[in-house]
Amino acid sequence: MTGPIVVINPNSNQVVTDGLSGALSAFTLQGGPKIECLTLNEGPFGIESQRDSDSVILPLATLVQSRPDAAAFVIACYSDPGLDTCRSVVPQPVFGIQESGVLTAMARADRFGIIALADGSIPRHRRYMARMQVLDRLAGEIALNMSVDDSARGEGTYARLVEAGTTLKAHGAGVVILGCAGMARHRRPLEAELGIPVIDPVQAAVTMALGALLAG
């Protein structure tokens, strides 16, 4: 099998990209595609608003077009910025982590909850889920109200994730989605703490990419 799965962090924070590499370290299969994590250097330090999300669409399209060697792409931002545009300019499959995370969550439980980065992210997420026609499966969404950088390495992040996840579970969520790529390193301990599945949407998207490629 030729060509890597290229996972693109659309913000310019290398710490987030390093966290993606760590979260995906177990996904490299013998004889399977390599997984390459890249930072979009033109992106903002954190994608925390609609303007931030929109600002990376054209740079993302340029980047995917520059990688004809790739077998598939994953856009590792929960807003799925540029997903439609990138799909329109390259023949390879392109996966967004919000779409992949929600689809994976619905395969694990009847209702899902989301831990968002900030209150301002929630309307953006709901518009996307309305397009997917899945809002009736949403148990709730809770924002941590912190920056992307804090979610990746802030000392108090995990405790706030536990609090938010516990509340979502009480509201009927049978599975919780981490609504920011920067939260990846907390997935495993949070799942053990909550006692229900916790979805890292980057892992979900890479799993879908692997499935598409292995199926030929």
N, C-alpha and C. Protein backbone atom coordinates (compact mmCIF):
# COMPACT_ATOMS: atom_id res chain seq x y z
N MET A 1 0.86 -1.19 0.00
CA MET A 1 0.00 0.00 0.00
C MET A 1 0.89 1.23 0.00
N THR A 2 0.66 2.16 -0.92
CA THR A 2 1.52 3.32 -1.04
C THR A 2 0.81 4.56 -0.55
N GLY A 3 1.61 5.53 -0.11
CA GLY A 3 1.07 6.81 0.29
C GLY A 3 0.63 6.86 1.73
N PRO A 4 1.00 7.93 2.45
CA PRO A 4 0.61 8.07 3.85
C PRO A 4 -0.79 8.64 4.02
N ILE A 5 -1.33 8.44 5.21
CA ILE A 5 -2.49 9.22 5.65
C ILE A 5 -1.92 10.50 6.25
N VAL A 6 -2.22 11.63 5.65
CA VAL A 6 -1.68 12.91 6.10
C VAL A 6 -2.71 13.59 7.01
N VAL A 7 -2.34 13.74 8.27
CA VAL A 7 -3.20 14.35 9.28
C VAL A 7 -2.73 15.79 9.46
N ILE A 8 -3.60 16.74 9.17
CA ILE A 8 -3.21 18.15 9.16
C ILE A 8 -3.81 18.87 10.36
N ASN A 9 -2.95 19.43 11.20
CA ASN A 9 -3.37 20.33 12.26
C ASN A 9 -3.48 21.72 11.65
N PRO A 10 -4.70 22.29 11.50
CA PRO A 10 -4.83 23.57 10.81
C PRO A 10 -4.40 24.78 11.63
N ASN A 11 -4.06 24.58 12.92
CA ASN A 11 -3.49 25.72 13.64
C ASN A 11 -1.97 25.56 13.67
N SER A 12 -1.29 26.61 14.06
CA SER A 12 0.18 26.62 13.97
C SER A 12 0.85 26.22 15.28
N ASN A 13 0.10 25.61 16.19
CA ASN A 13 0.64 25.21 17.49
C ASN A 13 1.24 23.80 17.37
N GLN A 14 2.55 23.72 17.38
CA GLN A 14 3.23 22.44 17.21
C GLN A 14 2.94 21.48 18.36
N VAL A 15 2.65 21.99 19.55
CA VAL A 15 2.32 21.12 20.68
C VAL A 15 1.09 20.28 20.36
N VAL A 16 0.11 20.87 19.69
CA VAL A 16 -1.10 20.13 19.31
C VAL A 16 -0.73 19.04 18.31
N THR A 17 0.12 19.37 17.34
CA THR A 17 0.53 18.37 16.35
C THR A 17 1.28 17.23 17.02
N ASP A 18 2.15 17.56 17.97
CA ASP A 18 2.87 16.50 18.70
C ASP A 18 1.90 15.60 19.46
N GLY A 19 0.84 16.20 20.01
CA GLY A 19 -0.17 15.41 20.71
C GLY A 19 -0.91 14.48 19.77
N LEU A 20 -1.15 14.94 18.54
CA LEU A 20 -1.79 14.08 17.54
C LEU A 20 -0.91 12.88 17.23
N SER A 21 0.38 13.14 17.06
CA SER A 21 1.32 12.05 16.76
C SER A 21 1.31 11.01 17.87
N GLY A 22 1.27 11.47 19.12
CA GLY A 22 1.24 10.54 20.24
C GLY A 22 -0.05 9.73 20.27
N ALA A 23 -1.18 10.40 20.03
CA ALA A 23 -2.47 9.72 20.08
C ALA A 23 -2.63 8.71 18.96
N LEU A 24 -1.87 8.89 17.87
CA LEU A 24 -2.01 8.02 16.71
C LEU A 24 -0.88 7.00 16.59
N SER A 25 -0.03 6.94 17.60
CA SER A 25 1.16 6.07 17.51
C SER A 25 0.79 4.60 17.35
N ALA A 26 -0.35 4.19 17.90
CA ALA A 26 -0.75 2.78 17.83
C ALA A 26 -1.49 2.45 16.54
N PHE A 27 -1.68 3.42 15.67
CA PHE A 27 -2.49 3.20 14.47
C PHE A 27 -1.65 2.82 13.25
N THR A 28 -0.35 2.76 13.40
CA THR A 28 0.51 2.34 12.30
C THR A 28 0.54 0.82 12.24
N LEU A 29 0.07 0.27 11.13
CA LEU A 29 -0.03 -1.17 10.96
C LEU A 29 1.09 -1.69 10.07
N GLN A 30 1.61 -2.85 10.40
CA GLN A 30 2.63 -3.45 9.55
C GLN A 30 2.05 -3.71 8.16
N GLY A 31 2.71 -3.16 7.17
CA GLY A 31 2.22 -3.29 5.80
C GLY A 31 1.14 -2.29 5.44
N GLY A 32 0.72 -1.49 6.40
CA GLY A 32 -0.31 -0.49 6.14
C GLY A 32 0.28 0.87 5.86
N PRO A 33 -0.57 1.86 5.64
CA PRO A 33 -0.07 3.20 5.32
C PRO A 33 0.57 3.87 6.53
N LYS A 34 1.59 4.68 6.28
CA LYS A 34 2.16 5.50 7.34
C LYS A 34 1.19 6.62 7.69
N ILE A 35 1.32 7.13 8.90
CA ILE A 35 0.51 8.27 9.32
C ILE A 35 1.44 9.44 9.58
N GLU A 36 1.22 10.51 8.86
CA GLU A 36 2.10 11.68 8.91
C GLU A 36 1.30 12.87 9.44
N CYS A 37 1.74 13.45 10.54
CA CYS A 37 1.05 14.59 11.14
C CYS A 37 1.79 15.88 10.78
N LEU A 38 1.07 16.83 10.21
CA LEU A 38 1.64 18.10 9.75
C LEU A 38 0.98 19.28 10.46
N THR A 39 1.74 20.35 10.59
CA THR A 39 1.22 21.61 11.11
C THR A 39 1.03 22.59 9.96
N LEU A 40 -0.14 23.22 9.89
CA LEU A 40 -0.37 24.27 8.89
C LEU A 40 0.23 25.56 9.43
N ASN A 41 1.42 25.88 8.97
CA ASN A 41 2.15 27.02 9.53
C ASN A 41 1.44 28.35 9.29
N GLU A 42 0.60 28.42 8.25
CA GLU A 42 -0.13 29.66 7.97
C GLU A 42 -1.33 29.86 8.88
N GLY A 43 -1.69 28.84 9.63
CA GLY A 43 -2.89 28.92 10.46
C GLY A 43 -2.69 29.76 11.72
N PRO A 44 -3.79 30.15 12.37
CA PRO A 44 -3.70 30.85 13.65
C PRO A 44 -3.17 29.91 14.72
N PHE A 45 -2.74 30.46 15.85
CA PHE A 45 -2.18 29.62 16.92
C PHE A 45 -3.22 28.67 17.48
N GLY A 46 -4.47 29.07 17.42
CA GLY A 46 -5.58 28.21 17.81
C GLY A 46 -6.80 28.59 17.01
N ILE A 47 -7.59 27.62 16.56
CA ILE A 47 -8.83 27.92 15.84
C ILE A 47 -9.94 27.99 16.87
N GLU A 48 -10.33 29.22 17.19
CA GLU A 48 -11.26 29.45 18.30
C GLU A 48 -12.45 30.31 17.92
N SER A 49 -12.62 30.61 16.64
CA SER A 49 -13.74 31.42 16.18
C SER A 49 -14.07 31.04 14.74
N GLN A 50 -15.22 31.51 14.27
CA GLN A 50 -15.59 31.26 12.88
C GLN A 50 -14.56 31.88 11.94
N ARG A 51 -14.08 33.06 12.29
CA ARG A 51 -13.08 33.72 11.44
C ARG A 51 -11.81 32.88 11.36
N ASP A 52 -11.36 32.35 12.51
CA ASP A 52 -10.18 31.48 12.51
C ASP A 52 -10.41 30.28 11.60
N SER A 53 -11.59 29.69 11.73
CA SER A 53 -11.91 28.50 10.93
C SER A 53 -11.91 28.82 9.44
N ASP A 54 -12.54 29.93 9.08
CA ASP A 54 -12.61 30.30 7.66
C ASP A 54 -11.24 30.67 7.09
N SER A 55 -10.36 31.19 7.95
CA SER A 55 -9.07 31.69 7.46
C SER A 55 -8.14 30.59 6.95
N VAL A 56 -8.40 29.35 7.33
CA VAL A 56 -7.48 28.27 6.94
C VAL A 56 -7.98 27.48 5.73
N ILE A 57 -9.13 27.84 5.17
CA ILE A 57 -9.70 27.04 4.09
C ILE A 57 -8.78 27.01 2.87
N LEU A 58 -8.37 28.18 2.39
CA LEU A 58 -7.53 28.21 1.19
C LEU A 58 -6.14 27.61 1.44
N PRO A 59 -5.47 27.94 2.58
CA PRO A 59 -4.19 27.26 2.84
C PRO A 59 -4.31 25.74 2.92
N LEU A 60 -5.40 25.24 3.50
CA LEU A 60 -5.61 23.80 3.55
C LEU A 60 -5.74 23.21 2.14
N ALA A 61 -6.52 23.90 1.28
CA ALA A 61 -6.70 23.42 -0.08
C ALA A 61 -5.36 23.39 -0.83
N THR A 62 -4.55 24.42 -0.62
CA THR A 62 -3.24 24.46 -1.25
C THR A 62 -2.36 23.33 -0.76
N LEU A 63 -2.42 23.05 0.56
CA LEU A 63 -1.58 22.00 1.13
C LEU A 63 -1.98 20.62 0.59
N VAL A 64 -3.27 20.31 0.57
CA VAL A 64 -3.65 18.98 0.11
C VAL A 64 -3.32 18.81 -1.37
N GLN A 65 -3.43 19.88 -2.15
CA GLN A 65 -3.09 19.78 -3.56
C GLN A 65 -1.59 19.56 -3.77
N SER A 66 -0.79 19.98 -2.79
CA SER A 66 0.67 19.83 -2.90
C SER A 66 1.13 18.43 -2.53
N ARG A 67 0.21 17.55 -2.09
CA ARG A 67 0.59 16.22 -1.65
C ARG A 67 -0.11 15.12 -2.47
N PRO A 68 0.21 15.04 -3.76
CA PRO A 68 -0.39 13.97 -4.58
C PRO A 68 0.05 12.58 -4.15
N ASP A 69 1.11 12.51 -3.33
CA ASP A 69 1.59 11.21 -2.83
C ASP A 69 0.73 10.64 -1.72
N ALA A 70 -0.10 11.47 -1.09
CA ALA A 70 -0.91 11.03 0.05
C ALA A 70 -2.00 10.08 -0.41
N ALA A 71 -2.32 9.10 0.44
CA ALA A 71 -3.42 8.18 0.16
C ALA A 71 -4.74 8.72 0.67
N ALA A 72 -4.69 9.53 1.74
CA ALA A 72 -5.89 10.11 2.33
C ALA A 72 -5.46 11.28 3.21
N PHE A 73 -6.42 12.14 3.52
CA PHE A 73 -6.16 13.30 4.38
C PHE A 73 -7.16 13.31 5.55
N VAL A 74 -6.69 13.81 6.68
CA VAL A 74 -7.55 14.07 7.83
C VAL A 74 -7.34 15.52 8.25
N ILE A 75 -8.41 16.28 8.35
CA ILE A 75 -8.33 17.67 8.83
C ILE A 75 -8.61 17.65 10.32
N ALA A 76 -7.56 17.87 11.11
CA ALA A 76 -7.63 17.64 12.56
C ALA A 76 -8.02 18.90 13.32
N CYS A 77 -9.20 19.41 13.02
CA CYS A 77 -9.80 20.50 13.79
C CYS A 77 -11.29 20.20 13.88
N TYR A 78 -11.87 20.36 15.07
CA TYR A 78 -13.25 19.92 15.28
C TYR A 78 -14.27 20.76 14.51
N SER A 79 -13.87 21.90 13.97
CA SER A 79 -14.79 22.68 13.13
C SER A 79 -14.85 22.14 11.70
N ASP A 80 -14.00 21.15 11.38
CA ASP A 80 -13.90 20.62 10.01
C ASP A 80 -13.72 21.74 8.98
N PRO A 81 -12.80 22.67 9.22
CA PRO A 81 -12.64 23.78 8.27
C PRO A 81 -12.14 23.28 6.91
N GLY A 82 -12.72 23.82 5.86
CA GLY A 82 -12.25 23.51 4.52
C GLY A 82 -12.55 22.11 4.03
N LEU A 83 -13.39 21.36 4.73
CA LEU A 83 -13.62 19.97 4.36
C LEU A 83 -14.21 19.86 2.96
N ASP A 84 -15.26 20.62 2.68
CA ASP A 84 -15.88 20.55 1.36
C ASP A 84 -14.93 21.05 0.28
N THR A 85 -14.19 22.12 0.58
CA THR A 85 -13.25 22.66 -0.40
C THR A 85 -12.16 21.67 -0.73
N CYS A 86 -11.57 21.07 0.31
CA CYS A 86 -10.50 20.09 0.07
C CYS A 86 -11.01 18.88 -0.71
N ARG A 87 -12.21 18.43 -0.39
CA ARG A 87 -12.77 17.30 -1.13
C ARG A 87 -12.99 17.64 -2.60
N SER A 88 -13.18 18.93 -2.88
CA SER A 88 -13.47 19.33 -4.26
C SER A 88 -12.22 19.48 -5.11
N VAL A 89 -11.03 19.52 -4.48
CA VAL A 89 -9.82 19.82 -5.26
C VAL A 89 -8.84 18.66 -5.33
N VAL A 90 -9.09 17.56 -4.59
CA VAL A 90 -8.19 16.40 -4.66
C VAL A 90 -9.01 15.13 -4.85
N PRO A 91 -8.44 14.12 -5.51
CA PRO A 91 -9.16 12.86 -5.70
C PRO A 91 -9.13 11.94 -4.49
N GLN A 92 -8.16 12.17 -3.57
CA GLN A 92 -8.05 11.30 -2.39
C GLN A 92 -9.21 11.57 -1.42
N PRO A 93 -9.57 10.58 -0.60
CA PRO A 93 -10.59 10.82 0.43
C PRO A 93 -10.08 11.80 1.48
N VAL A 94 -10.95 12.68 1.93
CA VAL A 94 -10.62 13.67 2.96
C VAL A 94 -11.63 13.51 4.08
N PHE A 95 -11.14 13.34 5.30
CA PHE A 95 -11.99 13.10 6.46
C PHE A 95 -11.91 14.27 7.42
N GLY A 96 -13.06 14.70 7.94
CA GLY A 96 -13.11 15.72 8.97
C GLY A 96 -13.34 15.07 10.32
N ILE A 97 -12.75 15.62 11.36
CA ILE A 97 -12.83 14.92 12.65
C ILE A 97 -14.17 15.10 13.36
N GLN A 98 -14.87 16.22 13.10
CA GLN A 98 -16.19 16.33 13.73
C GLN A 98 -17.14 15.31 13.10
N GLU A 99 -17.19 15.27 11.80
CA GLU A 99 -18.06 14.32 11.12
C GLU A 99 -17.73 12.88 11.52
N SER A 100 -16.45 12.54 11.52
CA SER A 100 -16.03 11.19 11.88
C SER A 100 -16.31 10.87 13.34
N GLY A 101 -16.07 11.85 14.22
CA GLY A 101 -16.31 11.64 15.64
C GLY A 101 -17.77 11.41 15.96
N VAL A 102 -18.65 12.19 15.34
CA VAL A 102 -20.08 12.04 15.57
C VAL A 102 -20.58 10.70 15.04
N LEU A 103 -20.14 10.33 13.84
CA LEU A 103 -20.57 9.05 13.27
C LEU A 103 -20.09 7.89 14.13
N THR A 104 -18.87 7.97 14.63
CA THR A 104 -18.34 6.91 15.50
C THR A 104 -19.11 6.85 16.81
N ALA A 105 -19.42 8.01 17.38
CA ALA A 105 -20.15 8.06 18.65
C ALA A 105 -21.53 7.41 18.50
N MET A 106 -22.20 7.67 17.38
CA MET A 106 -23.54 7.11 17.19
C MET A 106 -23.51 5.60 16.97
N ALA A 107 -22.33 5.08 16.62
CA ALA A 107 -22.18 3.63 16.52
C ALA A 107 -21.92 2.98 17.87
N ARG A 108 -21.67 3.80 18.90
CA ARG A 108 -21.36 3.27 20.23
C ARG A 108 -22.49 3.44 21.24
N ALA A 109 -23.37 4.41 21.00
CA ALA A 109 -24.45 4.67 21.96
C ALA A 109 -25.57 5.42 21.27
N ASP A 110 -26.74 5.39 21.89
CA ASP A 110 -27.90 6.06 21.31
C ASP A 110 -27.76 7.57 21.34
N ARG A 111 -27.23 8.11 22.45
CA ARG A 111 -27.08 9.57 22.58
C ARG A 111 -25.64 9.90 22.95
N PHE A 112 -25.15 10.99 22.40
CA PHE A 112 -23.77 11.40 22.63
C PHE A 112 -23.70 12.80 23.20
N GLY A 113 -22.62 13.06 23.93
CA GLY A 113 -22.34 14.39 24.44
C GLY A 113 -21.02 14.88 23.88
N ILE A 114 -20.84 16.20 23.88
CA ILE A 114 -19.62 16.80 23.35
C ILE A 114 -19.03 17.74 24.39
N ILE A 115 -17.71 17.66 24.56
CA ILE A 115 -17.00 18.64 25.38
C ILE A 115 -16.33 19.60 24.43
N ALA A 116 -16.83 20.82 24.39
CA ALA A 116 -16.33 21.84 23.46
C ALA A 116 -15.23 22.66 24.10
N LEU A 117 -14.51 23.34 23.24
CA LEU A 117 -13.44 24.21 23.71
C LEU A 117 -13.99 25.46 24.39
N ALA A 118 -14.96 26.12 23.74
CA ALA A 118 -15.50 27.38 24.25
C ALA A 118 -16.96 27.52 23.87
N ASP A 119 -17.67 28.39 24.59
CA ASP A 119 -19.08 28.62 24.29
C ASP A 119 -19.29 29.04 22.84
N GLY A 120 -18.35 29.84 22.31
CA GLY A 120 -18.48 30.31 20.94
C GLY A 120 -18.40 29.20 19.91
N SER A 121 -17.85 28.06 20.30
CA SER A 121 -17.75 26.93 19.36
C SER A 121 -19.07 26.21 19.19
N ILE A 122 -19.93 26.28 20.20
CA ILE A 122 -21.13 25.44 20.20
C ILE A 122 -22.09 25.77 19.05
N PRO A 123 -22.40 27.06 18.76
CA PRO A 123 -23.28 27.32 17.61
C PRO A 123 -22.70 26.79 16.30
N ARG A 124 -21.38 26.89 16.15
CA ARG A 124 -20.72 26.38 14.95
C ARG A 124 -20.89 24.87 14.84
N HIS A 125 -20.73 24.18 15.96
CA HIS A 125 -20.91 22.73 15.98
C HIS A 125 -22.36 22.35 15.68
N ARG A 126 -23.30 23.09 16.27
CA ARG A 126 -24.72 22.76 16.08
C ARG A 126 -25.14 22.96 14.62
N ARG A 127 -24.60 23.99 13.96
CA ARG A 127 -24.92 24.18 12.54
C ARG A 127 -24.45 22.97 11.74
N TYR A 128 -23.29 22.47 12.08
CA TYR A 128 -22.74 21.32 11.38
C TYR A 128 -23.59 20.07 11.64
N MET A 129 -23.98 19.87 12.90
CA MET A 129 -24.79 18.70 13.23
C MET A 129 -26.19 18.80 12.63
N ALA A 130 -26.70 20.02 12.48
CA ALA A 130 -27.99 20.19 11.80
C ALA A 130 -27.87 19.74 10.35
N ARG A 131 -26.76 20.09 9.73
CA ARG A 131 -26.50 19.65 8.35
C ARG A 131 -26.43 18.12 8.29
N MET A 132 -25.85 17.50 9.31
CA MET A 132 -25.76 16.04 9.37
C MET A 132 -27.08 15.39 9.78
N GLN A 133 -28.03 16.21 10.29
CA GLN A 133 -29.34 15.74 10.75
C GLN A 133 -29.21 14.76 11.92
N VAL A 134 -28.38 15.14 12.89
CA VAL A 134 -28.15 14.26 14.04
C VAL A 134 -28.44 14.95 15.38
N LEU A 135 -29.01 16.14 15.36
CA LEU A 135 -29.22 16.87 16.61
C LEU A 135 -30.14 16.12 17.58
N ASP A 136 -31.00 15.26 17.05
CA ASP A 136 -31.88 14.51 17.95
C ASP A 136 -31.14 13.44 18.73
N ARG A 137 -29.89 13.16 18.38
CA ARG A 137 -29.08 12.18 19.12
C ARG A 137 -28.14 12.88 20.12
N LEU A 138 -28.14 14.20 20.14
CA LEU A 138 -27.25 14.96 21.02
C LEU A 138 -27.84 15.10 22.41
N ALA A 139 -27.13 14.59 23.42
CA ALA A 139 -27.57 14.74 24.81
C ALA A 139 -27.21 16.10 25.37
N GLY A 140 -26.16 16.72 24.85
CA GLY A 140 -25.74 18.02 25.33
C GLY A 140 -24.32 18.32 24.92
N GLU A 141 -23.96 19.59 25.03
CA GLU A 141 -22.59 20.02 24.75
C GLU A 141 -22.18 21.03 25.81
N ILE A 142 -21.01 20.81 26.40
CA ILE A 142 -20.51 21.66 27.48
C ILE A 142 -19.15 22.22 27.08
N ALA A 143 -18.96 23.51 27.28
CA ALA A 143 -17.70 24.17 26.92
C ALA A 143 -16.78 24.29 28.14
N LEU A 144 -15.49 24.09 27.90
CA LEU A 144 -14.49 24.29 28.96
C LEU A 144 -14.08 25.76 29.06
N ASN A 145 -14.29 26.53 27.98
CA ASN A 145 -13.90 27.94 27.93
C ASN A 145 -12.42 28.12 28.25
N MET A 146 -11.62 27.49 27.41
CA MET A 146 -10.17 27.64 27.48
C MET A 146 -9.63 27.68 26.07
N SER A 147 -8.35 28.03 25.94
CA SER A 147 -7.73 28.11 24.62
C SER A 147 -7.33 26.73 24.13
N VAL A 148 -7.04 26.63 22.84
CA VAL A 148 -6.53 25.38 22.28
C VAL A 148 -5.25 24.97 22.99
N ASP A 149 -4.38 25.95 23.23
CA ASP A 149 -3.10 25.65 23.88
C ASP A 149 -3.32 25.11 25.29
N ASP A 150 -4.26 25.72 26.04
CA ASP A 150 -4.55 25.23 27.39
C ASP A 150 -5.11 23.81 27.36
N SER A 151 -5.94 23.52 26.35
CA SER A 151 -6.52 22.17 26.27
C SER A 151 -5.44 21.13 26.02
N ALA A 152 -4.37 21.54 25.33
CA ALA A 152 -3.30 20.61 25.00
C ALA A 152 -2.34 20.38 26.16
N ARG A 153 -2.11 21.41 26.98
CA ARG A 153 -1.10 21.24 28.03
C ARG A 153 -1.42 21.94 29.35
N GLY A 154 -2.64 22.48 29.49
CA GLY A 154 -2.99 23.15 30.73
C GLY A 154 -3.09 22.19 31.90
N GLU A 155 -2.63 22.59 33.05
CA GLU A 155 -2.59 21.70 34.22
C GLU A 155 -3.98 21.34 34.72
N GLY A 156 -4.95 22.24 34.59
CA GLY A 156 -6.28 21.96 35.12
C GLY A 156 -7.24 21.38 34.11
N THR A 157 -6.76 21.06 32.91
CA THR A 157 -7.66 20.62 31.85
C THR A 157 -8.36 19.32 32.20
N TYR A 158 -7.63 18.35 32.69
CA TYR A 158 -8.22 17.03 32.91
C TYR A 158 -9.36 17.09 33.93
N ALA A 159 -9.17 17.83 35.02
CA ALA A 159 -10.22 17.92 36.04
C ALA A 159 -11.49 18.53 35.45
N ARG A 160 -11.34 19.50 34.57
CA ARG A 160 -12.51 20.12 33.95
C ARG A 160 -13.17 19.19 32.94
N LEU A 161 -12.36 18.36 32.29
CA LEU A 161 -12.93 17.36 31.39
C LEU A 161 -13.77 16.34 32.17
N VAL A 162 -13.27 15.93 33.33
CA VAL A 162 -14.02 14.97 34.16
C VAL A 162 -15.34 15.60 34.60
N GLU A 163 -15.30 16.84 35.02
CA GLU A 163 -16.53 17.52 35.46
C GLU A 163 -17.55 17.60 34.33
N ALA A 164 -17.08 18.03 33.14
CA ALA A 164 -17.98 18.16 31.99
C ALA A 164 -18.51 16.80 31.56
N GLY A 165 -17.63 15.80 31.51
CA GLY A 165 -18.06 14.46 31.11
C GLY A 165 -19.06 13.86 32.07
N THR A 166 -18.86 14.09 33.35
CA THR A 166 -19.80 13.58 34.36
C THR A 166 -21.18 14.20 34.19
N THR A 167 -21.20 15.50 33.92
CA THR A 167 -22.48 16.18 33.69
C THR A 167 -23.18 15.65 32.45
N LEU A 168 -22.44 15.46 31.37
CA LEU A 168 -23.03 14.94 30.13
C LEU A 168 -23.57 13.53 30.35
N LYS A 169 -22.85 12.73 31.09
CA LYS A 169 -23.32 11.38 31.40
C LYS A 169 -24.63 11.44 32.18
N ALA A 170 -24.72 12.36 33.12
CA ALA A 170 -25.95 12.51 33.91
C ALA A 170 -27.12 12.98 33.04
N HIS A 171 -26.81 13.68 31.93
CA HIS A 171 -27.84 14.16 31.01
C HIS A 171 -28.23 13.12 29.97
N GLY A 172 -27.67 11.91 30.08
CA GLY A 172 -28.08 10.83 29.21
C GLY A 172 -27.10 10.45 28.12
N ALA A 173 -25.91 11.06 28.11
CA ALA A 173 -24.92 10.69 27.09
C ALA A 173 -24.35 9.31 27.39
N GLY A 174 -24.41 8.43 26.42
CA GLY A 174 -23.79 7.12 26.56
C GLY A 174 -22.38 7.07 26.03
N VAL A 175 -21.95 8.16 25.41
CA VAL A 175 -20.60 8.30 24.86
C VAL A 175 -20.29 9.79 24.81
N VAL A 176 -19.02 10.14 24.99
CA VAL A 176 -18.60 11.54 24.99
C VAL A 176 -17.55 11.75 23.91
N ILE A 177 -17.70 12.83 23.16
CA ILE A 177 -16.73 13.20 22.13
C ILE A 177 -15.89 14.36 22.63
N LEU A 178 -14.58 14.27 22.47
CA LEU A 178 -13.68 15.38 22.78
C LEU A 178 -13.71 16.36 21.62
N GLY A 179 -14.23 17.57 21.85
CA GLY A 179 -14.49 18.52 20.77
C GLY A 179 -13.33 19.42 20.42
N CYS A 180 -12.11 18.93 20.55
CA CYS A 180 -10.93 19.68 20.14
C CYS A 180 -9.78 18.70 20.00
N ALA A 181 -9.01 18.82 18.93
CA ALA A 181 -7.88 17.92 18.70
C ALA A 181 -6.84 18.03 19.81
N GLY A 182 -6.78 19.18 20.48
CA GLY A 182 -5.80 19.38 21.54
C GLY A 182 -6.07 18.54 22.79
N MET A 183 -7.27 17.96 22.90
CA MET A 183 -7.62 17.16 24.07
C MET A 183 -7.20 15.69 23.96
N ALA A 184 -6.54 15.32 22.87
CA ALA A 184 -6.31 13.91 22.53
C ALA A 184 -5.65 13.12 23.65
N ARG A 185 -4.68 13.71 24.35
CA ARG A 185 -3.92 12.94 25.34
C ARG A 185 -4.76 12.56 26.56
N HIS A 186 -5.94 13.16 26.71
CA HIS A 186 -6.78 12.88 27.89
C HIS A 186 -7.81 11.78 27.65
N ARG A 187 -7.91 11.26 26.43
CA ARG A 187 -8.99 10.33 26.11
C ARG A 187 -9.01 9.08 26.99
N ARG A 188 -7.89 8.38 27.07
CA ARG A 188 -7.86 7.11 27.76
C ARG A 188 -8.17 7.25 29.27
N PRO A 189 -7.50 8.16 29.99
CA PRO A 189 -7.85 8.28 31.42
C PRO A 189 -9.26 8.79 31.65
N LEU A 190 -9.77 9.65 30.75
CA LEU A 190 -11.13 10.15 30.92
C LEU A 190 -12.14 9.02 30.73
N GLU A 191 -11.91 8.15 29.77
CA GLU A 191 -12.80 7.02 29.56
C GLU A 191 -12.84 6.12 30.79
N ALA A 192 -11.68 5.87 31.37
CA ALA A 192 -11.63 5.05 32.58
C ALA A 192 -12.37 5.72 33.74
N GLU A 193 -12.25 7.03 33.83
CA GLU A 193 -12.88 7.79 34.91
C GLU A 193 -14.40 7.79 34.76
N LEU A 194 -14.89 7.99 33.54
CA LEU A 194 -16.34 8.13 33.32
C LEU A 194 -17.05 6.78 33.22
N GLY A 195 -16.35 5.75 32.78
CA GLY A 195 -16.98 4.44 32.63
C GLY A 195 -17.85 4.32 31.40
N ILE A 196 -17.71 5.23 30.45
CA ILE A 196 -18.41 5.16 29.16
C ILE A 196 -17.39 5.47 28.07
N PRO A 197 -17.66 5.12 26.81
CA PRO A 197 -16.69 5.41 25.75
C PRO A 197 -16.44 6.91 25.60
N VAL A 198 -15.19 7.25 25.37
CA VAL A 198 -14.79 8.62 25.05
C VAL A 198 -14.11 8.58 23.69
N ILE A 199 -14.60 9.39 22.78
CA ILE A 199 -14.12 9.38 21.40
C ILE A 199 -13.15 10.53 21.17
N ASP A 200 -11.92 10.17 20.78
CA ASP A 200 -11.01 11.18 20.23
C ASP A 200 -11.33 11.25 18.75
N PRO A 201 -11.85 12.37 18.26
CA PRO A 201 -12.31 12.41 16.87
C PRO A 201 -11.18 12.28 15.85
N VAL A 202 -9.96 12.61 16.23
CA VAL A 202 -8.84 12.42 15.31
C VAL A 202 -8.60 10.92 15.11
N GLN A 203 -8.62 10.16 16.20
CA GLN A 203 -8.50 8.72 16.08
C GLN A 203 -9.66 8.14 15.26
N ALA A 204 -10.86 8.69 15.46
CA ALA A 204 -12.02 8.22 14.71
C ALA A 204 -11.84 8.45 13.21
N ALA A 205 -11.34 9.64 12.85
CA ALA A 205 -11.14 9.96 11.43
C ALA A 205 -10.05 9.10 10.81
N VAL A 206 -8.96 8.88 11.54
CA VAL A 206 -7.89 8.05 11.02
C VAL A 206 -8.36 6.60 10.87
N THR A 207 -9.18 6.15 11.81
CA THR A 207 -9.75 4.80 11.69
C THR A 207 -10.57 4.67 10.42
N MET A 208 -11.37 5.69 10.10
CA MET A 208 -12.15 5.65 8.87
C MET A 208 -11.25 5.68 7.64
N ALA A 209 -10.20 6.49 7.69
CA ALA A 209 -9.27 6.54 6.57
C ALA A 209 -8.59 5.20 6.37
N LEU A 210 -8.15 4.58 7.46
CA LEU A 210 -7.54 3.26 7.37
C LEU A 210 -8.51 2.24 6.78
N GLY A 211 -9.75 2.27 7.24
CA GLY A 211 -10.74 1.35 6.72
C GLY A 211 -10.95 1.51 5.23
N ALA A 212 -11.03 2.77 4.78
CA ALA A 212 -11.23 3.03 3.35
C ALA A 212 -10.06 2.51 2.52
N LEU A 213 -8.84 2.70 3.04
CA LEU A 213 -7.66 2.28 2.28
C LEU A 213 -7.48 0.77 2.32
N LEU A 214 -7.71 0.16 3.47
CA LEU A 214 -7.53 -1.30 3.58
C LEU A 214 -8.58 -2.05 2.77
N ALA A 215 -9.74 -1.42 2.61
CA ALA A 215 -10.79 -2.03 1.79
C ALA A 215 -10.49 -1.94 0.30
N GLY A 216 -9.50 -1.13 -0.04
CA GLY A 216 -9.06 -1.06 -1.44
C GLY A 216 -9.85 -0.10 -2.28
